[in-house]
C-alpha atoms as a PDB file:
ATOM      1  CA  MET A   1      56.602 -29.498 -24.162  1.00  0.00           C
ATOM      2  CA  LYS A   2      55.079 -28.708 -21.182  1.00  0.00           C
ATOM      3  CA  GLN A   3      53.837 -25.304 -20.640  1.00  0.00           C
ATOM      4  CA  GLN A   4      55.329 -22.909 -18.561  1.00  0.00           C
ATOM      5  CA  THR A   5      53.268 -21.223 -15.296  1.00  0.00           C
ATOM      6  CA  PRO A   6      53.930 -17.473 -14.892  1.00  0.00           C
ATOM      7  CA  LEU A   7      55.665 -17.793 -11.561  1.00  0.00           C
ATOM      8  CA  SER A   8      57.890 -20.301 -13.481  1.00  0.00           C
ATOM      9  CA  LEU A   9      58.902 -17.739 -16.385  1.00  0.00           C
ATOM     10  CA  ALA A  10      59.115 -14.977 -13.403  1.00  0.00           C
ATOM     11  CA  ARG A  11      61.832 -17.077 -11.631  1.00  0.00           C
ATOM     12  CA  LEU A  12      63.551 -18.110 -14.580  1.00  0.00           C
ATOM     13  CA  GLY A  13      63.540 -14.124 -15.549  1.00  0.00           C
ATOM     14  CA  ALA A  14      65.029 -13.598 -11.829  1.00  0.00           C
ATOM     15  CA  ILE A  15      67.680 -16.069 -12.572  1.00  0.00           C
ATOM     16  CA  GLY A  16      68.770 -14.775 -15.951  1.00  0.00           C
ATOM     17  CA  PHE A  17      68.948 -11.125 -13.488  1.00  0.00           C
ATOM     18  CA  SER A  18      71.248 -12.309 -11.017  1.00  0.00           C
ATOM     19  CA  LEU A  19      73.865 -13.500 -13.079  1.00  0.00           C
ATOM     20  CA  ILE A  20      73.891  -9.933 -14.963  1.00  0.00           C
ATOM     21  CA  ALA A  21      73.696  -8.647 -11.712  1.00  0.00           C
ATOM     22  CA  ASN A  22      76.598 -10.443 -10.396  1.00  0.00           C
ATOM     23  CA  VAL A  23      78.778  -9.613 -13.441  1.00  0.00           C
ATOM     24  CA  VAL A  24      78.231  -5.790 -12.705  1.00  0.00           C
ATOM     25  CA  VAL A  25      78.505  -5.940  -9.051  1.00  0.00           C
ATOM     26  CA  GLY A  26      82.225  -7.957 -10.139  1.00  0.00           C
ATOM     27  CA  GLY A  27      83.101  -5.359 -12.793  1.00  0.00           C
ATOM     28  CA  LEU A  28      82.164  -2.541 -10.217  1.00  0.00           C
ATOM     29  CA  LEU A  29      84.259  -4.065  -7.622  1.00  0.00           C
ATOM     30  CA  GLY A  30      87.078  -4.690  -9.795  1.00  0.00           C
ATOM     31  CA  TYR A  31      86.677  -0.967 -10.760  1.00  0.00           C
ATOM     32  CA  VAL A  32      87.052  -0.222  -7.369  1.00  0.00           C
ATOM     33  CA  ALA A  33      90.492  -1.935  -6.580  1.00  0.00           C
ATOM     34  CA  TYR A  34      91.881  -0.670  -9.840  1.00  0.00           C
ATOM     35  CA  ARG A  35      91.398   2.888  -8.705  1.00  0.00           C
ATOM     36  CA  PHE A  36      92.498   2.375  -5.067  1.00  0.00           C
ATOM     37  CA  LEU A  37      95.281  -0.318  -5.554  1.00  0.00           C
ATOM     38  CA  ASN A  38      96.514   0.256  -9.217  1.00  0.00           C
ATOM     39  CA  TRP A  39      96.450  -3.055 -10.534  1.00  0.00           C
ATOM     40  CA  GLY A  40      95.592  -3.332 -14.024  1.00  0.00           C
ATOM     41  CA  TRP A  41      94.148  -6.443 -13.976  1.00  0.00           C
ATOM     42  CA  ALA A  42      91.483  -5.818 -11.482  1.00  0.00           C
ATOM     43  CA  VAL A  43      88.874  -5.034 -13.897  1.00  0.00           C
ATOM     44  CA  PRO A  44      88.381  -8.105 -16.229  1.00  0.00           C
ATOM     45  CA  VAL A  45      89.689 -10.176 -12.896  1.00  0.00           C
ATOM     46  CA  GLY A  46      86.242  -8.724 -11.526  1.00  0.00           C
ATOM     47  CA  ILE A  47      84.054  -9.093 -14.532  1.00  0.00           C
ATOM     48  CA  LEU A  48      85.165 -13.035 -14.875  1.00  0.00           C
ATOM     49  CA  LEU A  49      84.606 -13.898 -11.309  1.00  0.00           C
ATOM     50  CA  GLY A  50      81.014 -12.273 -11.128  1.00  0.00           C
ATOM     51  CA  PHE A  51      80.605 -14.701 -13.919  1.00  0.00           C
ATOM     52  CA  VAL A  52      81.384 -17.394 -12.854  1.00  0.00           C
ATOM     53  CA  SER A  53      79.919 -16.683  -9.564  1.00  0.00           C
ATOM     54  CA  GLY A  54      76.711 -15.662 -11.603  1.00  0.00           C
ATOM     55  CA  PHE A  55      77.154 -19.218 -13.443  1.00  0.00           C
ATOM     56  CA  ILE A  56      77.426 -20.726 -10.327  1.00  0.00           C
ATOM     57  CA  SER A  57      74.484 -19.081  -8.992  1.00  0.00           C
ATOM     58  CA  MET A  58      72.047 -19.565 -11.833  1.00  0.00           C
ATOM     59  CA  PHE A  59      73.074 -23.887 -11.962  1.00  0.00           C
ATOM     60  CA  ARG A  60      72.019 -23.962  -8.255  1.00  0.00           C
ATOM     61  CA  GLN A  61      69.056 -22.207  -8.496  1.00  0.00           C
ATOM     62  CA  LEU A  62      68.212 -24.115 -11.579  1.00  0.00           C
ATOM     63  CA  SER A  63      68.923 -27.250 -10.136  1.00  0.00           C
ATOM     64  CA  GLN A  64      65.740 -26.740  -7.213  1.00  0.00           C
ATOM     65  CA  LEU A  65      63.385 -26.605  -9.938  1.00  0.00           C
END
């Protein structure tokens, strides 16, 4: 198995953090939409969209490694 450099480990950590950050931002946007639009499904939809966008971003960044 190839030895990982600290820089590549830092990039992998940043990629994982961006996935979590996308889910949190999607949840927050869903909560804002719930509060102002009174739409009960806004929070789950926001979390789901955040996860999908984070996964796509993670896949693109991992394919560049």
